Amino acid sequence: MREKKAVLWWVIIGVTMLLIWGLSLFGREMSTAQSDAVQGFLGSLFGEWIYETLFYQNIRKVAHFAEYALLGAEWAGYRLTVRGARRPPRWLLLAAGPLTAVCDEALQFISARAPMVADVLLDCGGYACGAAVVLGVSRLLKKYSAAK
């Protein structure tokens, strides 16, 4: 059972990383088209005024943060749910986000886009927040169940 759980986590994390890296391989035109589509959807969902006020300039940054928050949450979930030899060490949990972010930005050289150190930092922040939420909720649940 532990082996299946570990493999499932690797598949989930692998798909997320492929999605992140795959999006970085799109050229400027495709990336802009994707952002425009998301912007149009959010504009229709929230209304033009709210959308333009809150999201318009920040949509790509929010996307960077969110995809890395998901990745951080997945790595933390893996660390929490898999035991024994298949459990990833702490250093891997700490290093996976920054390493993925650096590779992500490096891939943008291939697609003739502009890699940015600020995006690596934003990605690391998203990763840390996602992992912290999962680890924090886990800790709270353990305290709550121990108090019963």
Protein backbone atom coordinates (compact mmCIF):
# COMPACT_ATOMS: atom_id res chain seq x y z
CA MET A 1 0.00 0.00 0.00
CA ARG A 2 2.84 2.42 0.85
CA GLU A 3 4.39 1.82 -2.54
CA LYS A 4 1.12 2.62 -4.33
CA LYS A 5 0.68 5.78 -2.30
CA ALA A 6 4.21 6.95 -3.12
CA VAL A 7 3.73 6.21 -6.82
CA LEU A 8 0.44 8.11 -6.82
CA TRP A 9 2.13 11.15 -5.24
CA TRP A 10 4.95 10.99 -7.80
CA VAL A 11 2.38 10.92 -10.61
CA ILE A 12 0.45 13.88 -9.17
CA ILE A 13 3.62 15.91 -8.57
CA GLY A 14 5.03 14.91 -11.97
CA VAL A 15 1.89 16.03 -13.80
CA THR A 16 1.95 19.37 -11.97
CA MET A 17 5.63 19.90 -12.79
CA LEU A 18 5.05 19.00 -16.44
CA LEU A 19 2.18 21.46 -16.57
CA ILE A 20 4.33 24.21 -15.03
CA TRP A 21 7.28 23.52 -17.32
CA GLY A 22 5.08 22.95 -20.36
CA LEU A 23 3.50 26.37 -19.97
CA SER A 24 6.98 27.91 -19.89
CA LEU A 25 7.80 26.41 -23.25
CA PHE A 26 5.02 28.32 -25.00
CA GLY A 27 6.23 31.34 -26.94
CA ARG A 28 5.21 34.91 -26.21
CA GLU A 29 2.20 34.85 -28.53
CA MET A 30 0.75 31.66 -27.08
CA SER A 31 1.42 32.80 -23.51
CA THR A 32 -0.27 36.13 -24.20
CA ALA A 33 -3.25 34.36 -25.78
CA GLN A 34 -3.61 32.15 -22.70
CA SER A 35 -3.45 35.15 -20.39
CA ASP A 36 -6.00 37.01 -22.51
CA ALA A 37 -8.37 34.03 -22.35
CA VAL A 38 -8.09 33.84 -18.56
CA GLN A 39 -8.49 37.60 -18.29
CA GLY A 40 -11.64 37.48 -20.42
CA PHE A 41 -13.08 34.70 -18.29
CA LEU A 42 -12.31 36.50 -15.02
CA GLY A 43 -13.69 39.75 -16.42
CA SER A 44 -16.99 38.06 -17.25
CA LEU A 45 -17.04 36.23 -13.91
CA PHE A 46 -16.27 39.17 -11.61
CA GLY A 47 -17.42 42.09 -13.71
CA GLU A 48 -15.19 44.51 -15.58
CA TRP A 49 -14.63 47.00 -12.77
CA ILE A 50 -13.62 44.45 -10.14
CA TYR A 51 -11.54 42.53 -12.65
CA GLU A 52 -9.68 45.60 -13.91
CA THR A 53 -9.09 46.82 -10.37
CA LEU A 54 -7.88 43.56 -8.83
CA PHE A 55 -6.58 41.24 -11.51
CA TYR A 56 -5.63 42.86 -14.80
CA GLN A 57 -2.00 43.71 -14.13
CA ASN A 58 -1.40 40.77 -11.81
CA ILE A 59 -2.93 37.77 -13.58
CA ARG A 60 0.40 36.19 -14.55
CA LYS A 61 1.83 36.72 -11.07
CA VAL A 62 -1.26 35.17 -9.46
CA ALA A 63 -0.93 32.20 -11.82
CA HIS A 64 2.76 31.75 -10.91
CA PHE A 65 1.97 31.88 -7.22
CA ALA A 66 -1.02 29.52 -7.50
CA GLU A 67 0.69 26.80 -9.52
CA TYR A 68 3.60 26.74 -7.10
CA ALA A 69 1.29 26.80 -4.07
CA LEU A 70 -0.32 23.68 -5.53
CA LEU A 71 3.09 22.07 -5.99
CA GLY A 72 4.10 22.94 -2.41
CA ALA A 73 0.85 21.50 -1.10
CA GLU A 74 1.44 18.30 -3.06
CA TRP A 75 4.99 17.84 -1.77
CA ALA A 76 3.83 18.47 1.80
CA GLY A 77 0.98 16.00 1.33
CA TYR A 78 3.44 13.43 0.05
CA ARG A 79 5.73 13.98 3.03
CA LEU A 80 2.83 13.68 5.48
CA THR A 81 1.10 10.62 4.04
CA VAL A 82 3.95 8.34 2.98
CA ARG A 83 5.99 6.59 5.64
CA GLY A 84 9.07 4.40 5.65
CA ALA A 85 11.68 4.24 2.90
CA ARG A 86 9.36 5.90 0.36
CA ARG A 87 8.94 9.04 2.47
CA PRO A 88 10.81 11.99 0.94
CA PRO A 89 13.45 13.57 3.17
CA ARG A 90 12.94 17.10 4.50
CA TRP A 91 15.69 18.50 2.33
CA LEU A 92 13.80 17.34 -0.78
CA LEU A 93 10.64 19.05 0.44
CA LEU A 94 12.65 22.25 0.94
CA ALA A 95 14.60 22.03 -2.33
CA ALA A 96 11.89 20.89 -4.74
CA GLY A 97 10.19 24.28 -5.05
CA PRO A 98 13.27 26.41 -5.72
CA LEU A 99 14.75 23.81 -8.09
CA THR A 100 11.51 23.57 -10.04
CA ALA A 101 11.27 27.36 -10.21
CA VAL A 102 14.83 27.79 -11.47
CA CYS A 103 14.28 25.13 -14.14
CA ASP A 104 10.96 26.76 -15.04
CA GLU A 105 12.59 30.13 -15.66
CA ALA A 106 15.53 28.54 -17.51
CA LEU A 107 13.08 26.88 -19.90
CA GLN A 108 11.88 30.32 -20.91
CA PHE A 109 15.19 30.86 -22.72
CA ILE A 110 14.09 28.11 -25.13
CA SER A 111 10.76 29.81 -25.83
CA ALA A 112 12.36 33.25 -26.32
CA ARG A 113 10.61 34.68 -23.30
CA ALA A 114 12.11 36.74 -20.51
CA PRO A 115 13.08 34.68 -17.43
CA MET A 116 12.97 36.75 -14.28
CA VAL A 117 14.54 36.33 -10.86
CA ALA A 118 11.41 37.99 -9.42
CA ASP A 119 9.33 35.11 -10.79
CA VAL A 120 11.62 32.56 -9.11
CA LEU A 121 11.12 34.38 -5.81
CA LEU A 122 7.36 34.56 -6.35
CA ASP A 123 7.29 30.85 -7.22
CA CYS A 124 9.25 30.00 -4.08
CA GLY A 125 6.83 32.09 -2.02
CA GLY A 126 3.86 30.27 -3.53
CA TYR A 127 5.51 26.91 -2.92
CA ALA A 128 6.26 27.80 0.71
CA CYS A 129 2.68 29.01 1.29
CA GLY A 130 1.14 25.88 -0.22
CA ALA A 131 3.37 23.62 1.86
CA ALA A 132 2.80 25.70 5.01
CA VAL A 133 -0.97 25.52 4.64
CA VAL A 134 -0.95 21.73 4.31
CA LEU A 135 1.55 21.24 7.13
CA GLY A 136 -0.28 23.75 9.35
CA VAL A 137 -3.69 22.18 8.79
CA SER A 138 -2.19 18.76 9.49
CA ARG A 139 -0.70 20.00 12.74
CA LEU A 140 -4.01 21.59 13.80
CA LEU A 141 -5.90 18.40 13.01
CA LYS A 142 -3.45 16.36 15.09
CA LYS A 143 -3.82 18.76 18.04
CA TYR A 144 -7.59 18.72 17.71
CA SER A 145 -7.81 14.93 17.55
CA ALA A 146 -5.36 14.58 20.48
CA ALA A 147 -7.49 16.92 22.59
CA LYS A 148 -10.58 14.75 22.14
